[in-house]
């Protein structure tokens, strides 16, 4: 059965307390569900990006990349979080 929507906010084990699964296992699970796209959005960095992209390429899944980032004001007070996403495999022409 083909997955009908892409997961856009997935944290890997490289995001302590927010994700527990290694990027390769996340891709395996997405492929088993019939996904053709999976975004990895680790918390405050791109820690699992290389492993994610390599695993997606091996599984024939488009890899999206992003990060769930903390936002602070000029006084370094937390304002919240923002998730930035990119689809590096999207056709540009």
C-alpha atoms as a PDB file:
ATOM      1  CA  UNK A   1       0.000   0.000   0.000  1.00  0.00           C
ATOM      2  CA  UNK A   2       1.397   3.382  -1.011  1.00  0.00           C
ATOM      3  CA  UNK A   3       1.637   6.054   1.671  1.00  0.00           C
ATOM      4  CA  UNK A   4      -0.668   8.958   0.800  1.00  0.00           C
ATOM      5  CA  UNK A   5       1.218  11.792   2.524  1.00  0.00           C
ATOM      6  CA  UNK A   6       4.845  12.657   3.240  1.00  0.00           C
ATOM      7  CA  UNK A   7       6.200  12.846   6.775  1.00  0.00           C
ATOM      8  CA  UNK A   8       7.775  16.300   7.081  1.00  0.00           C
ATOM      9  CA  UNK A   9       8.778  16.453  10.746  1.00  0.00           C
ATOM     10  CA  UNK A  10      10.763  13.366  11.780  1.00  0.00           C
ATOM     11  CA  UNK A  11      13.556  13.436  14.354  1.00  0.00           C
ATOM     12  CA  UNK A  12      16.236  10.753  14.419  1.00  0.00           C
ATOM     13  CA  UNK A  13      18.269   9.335  17.291  1.00  0.00           C
ATOM     14  CA  UNK A  14      20.623  12.285  16.739  1.00  0.00           C
ATOM     15  CA  UNK A  15      17.968  14.446  18.459  1.00  0.00           C
ATOM     16  CA  UNK A  16      18.223  13.255  22.089  1.00  0.00           C
ATOM     17  CA  UNK A  17      14.864  13.105  23.901  1.00  0.00           C
ATOM     18  CA  UNK A  18      12.970  13.738  20.623  1.00  0.00           C
ATOM     19  CA  UNK A  19      13.915  10.805  18.402  1.00  0.00           C
ATOM     20  CA  UNK A  20      15.181   7.306  19.114  1.00  0.00           C
ATOM     21  CA  UNK A  21      15.551   5.709  15.689  1.00  0.00           C
ATOM     22  CA  UNK A  22      18.611   5.899  13.439  1.00  0.00           C
ATOM     23  CA  UNK A  23      18.050   7.486  10.000  1.00  0.00           C
ATOM     24  CA  UNK A  24      18.554   4.184   8.154  1.00  0.00           C
ATOM     25  CA  UNK A  25      15.811   2.496  10.195  1.00  0.00           C
ATOM     26  CA  UNK A  26      13.453   5.436   9.635  1.00  0.00           C
ATOM     27  CA  UNK A  27      13.966   5.089   5.878  1.00  0.00           C
ATOM     28  CA  UNK A  28      13.423   1.324   6.057  1.00  0.00           C
ATOM     29  CA  UNK A  29      10.113   1.893   7.864  1.00  0.00           C
ATOM     30  CA  UNK A  30       9.045   4.564   5.361  1.00  0.00           C
ATOM     31  CA  UNK A  31       9.928   2.305   2.420  1.00  0.00           C
ATOM     32  CA  UNK A  32       7.964  -0.566   3.962  1.00  0.00           C
ATOM     33  CA  UNK A  33       4.956   1.778   4.220  1.00  0.00           C
ATOM     34  CA  UNK A  34       5.280   2.659   0.526  1.00  0.00           C
ATOM     35  CA  UNK A  35       6.596   6.195   1.011  1.00  0.00           C
ATOM     36  CA  UNK A  36       8.335   7.959  -1.847  1.00  0.00           C
ATOM     37  CA  UNK A  37       9.492  10.954   0.270  1.00  0.00           C
ATOM     38  CA  UNK A  38      10.740  11.333   3.840  1.00  0.00           C
ATOM     39  CA  UNK A  39      12.058  14.478   5.523  1.00  0.00           C
ATOM     40  CA  UNK A  40      14.467  14.315   8.443  1.00  0.00           C
ATOM     41  CA  UNK A  41      14.200  17.322  10.771  1.00  0.00           C
ATOM     42  CA  UNK A  42      16.577  16.805  13.654  1.00  0.00           C
ATOM     43  CA  UNK A  43      16.407  19.218  16.570  1.00  0.00           C
ATOM     44  CA  UNK A  44      18.801  22.176  16.385  1.00  0.00           C
ATOM     45  CA  UNK A  45      20.981  20.700  13.638  1.00  0.00           C
ATOM     46  CA  UNK A  46      21.427  18.500  10.591  1.00  0.00           C
ATOM     47  CA  UNK A  47      23.076  15.691  12.533  1.00  0.00           C
ATOM     48  CA  UNK A  48      21.616  12.717  10.656  1.00  0.00           C
ATOM     49  CA  UNK A  49      21.444  14.369   7.223  1.00  0.00           C
ATOM     50  CA  UNK A  50      24.198  12.432   5.453  1.00  0.00           C
ATOM     51  CA  UNK A  51      23.003   9.036   6.682  1.00  0.00           C
ATOM     52  CA  UNK A  52      19.408   9.996   5.839  1.00  0.00           C
ATOM     53  CA  UNK A  53      20.203  11.042   2.272  1.00  0.00           C
ATOM     54  CA  UNK A  54      22.320   7.925   1.654  1.00  0.00           C
ATOM     55  CA  UNK A  55      19.638   5.612   3.050  1.00  0.00           C
ATOM     56  CA  UNK A  56      16.923   7.323   1.015  1.00  0.00           C
ATOM     57  CA  UNK A  57      18.987   7.006  -2.175  1.00  0.00           C
ATOM     58  CA  UNK A  58      19.534   3.301  -1.514  1.00  0.00           C
ATOM     59  CA  UNK A  59      15.795   2.783  -0.900  1.00  0.00           C
ATOM     60  CA  UNK A  60      14.644   4.863  -3.872  1.00  0.00           C
ATOM     61  CA  UNK A  61      12.977   7.471  -1.664  1.00  0.00           C
ATOM     62  CA  UNK A  62      13.351  11.232  -2.141  1.00  0.00           C
ATOM     63  CA  UNK A  63      15.099  12.745   0.856  1.00  0.00           C
ATOM     64  CA  UNK A  64      13.948  15.980   2.443  1.00  0.00           C
ATOM     65  CA  UNK A  65      16.128  17.772   4.958  1.00  0.00           C
ATOM     66  CA  UNK A  66      15.323  20.243   7.660  1.00  0.00           C
ATOM     67  CA  UNK A  67      15.927  21.306  11.209  1.00  0.00           C
ATOM     68  CA  UNK A  68      13.706  22.129  14.166  1.00  0.00           C
ATOM     69  CA  UNK A  69      15.407  25.276  15.454  1.00  0.00           C
ATOM     70  CA  UNK A  70      15.105  27.321  18.628  1.00  0.00           C
ATOM     71  CA  UNK A  71      14.450  31.045  18.134  1.00  0.00           C
ATOM     72  CA  UNK A  72      15.625  33.647  20.655  1.00  0.00           C
ATOM     73  CA  UNK A  73      15.321  37.418  20.901  1.00  0.00           C
ATOM     74  CA  UNK A  74      18.218  39.867  21.216  1.00  0.00           C
ATOM     75  CA  UNK A  75      18.343  39.238  24.969  1.00  0.00           C
ATOM     76  CA  UNK A  76      18.628  35.465  24.340  1.00  0.00           C
ATOM     77  CA  UNK A  77      15.146  34.791  25.687  1.00  0.00           C
ATOM     78  CA  UNK A  78      13.397  31.876  23.977  1.00  0.00           C
ATOM     79  CA  UNK A  79      10.625  32.858  21.576  1.00  0.00           C
ATOM     80  CA  UNK A  80       9.698  29.392  20.385  1.00  0.00           C
ATOM     81  CA  UNK A  81      10.761  27.049  17.619  1.00  0.00           C
ATOM     82  CA  UNK A  82      10.625  27.030  13.838  1.00  0.00           C
ATOM     83  CA  UNK A  83      11.014  24.095  11.470  1.00  0.00           C
ATOM     84  CA  UNK A  84      12.863  24.773   8.235  1.00  0.00           C
ATOM     85  CA  UNK A  85      12.522  22.272   5.387  1.00  0.00           C
ATOM     86  CA  UNK A  86      14.234  21.763   2.048  1.00  0.00           C
ATOM     87  CA  UNK A  87      13.626  19.192  -0.649  1.00  0.00           C
ATOM     88  CA  UNK A  88      17.086  18.911  -2.246  1.00  0.00           C
ATOM     89  CA  UNK A  89      15.844  16.336  -4.754  1.00  0.00           C
ATOM     90  CA  UNK A  90      13.053  18.496  -6.182  1.00  0.00           C
ATOM     91  CA  UNK A  91      13.548  19.091  -9.935  1.00  0.00           C
ATOM     92  CA  UNK A  92      14.712  22.646 -10.619  1.00  0.00           C
ATOM     93  CA  UNK A  93      14.128  22.752 -14.357  1.00  0.00           C
END
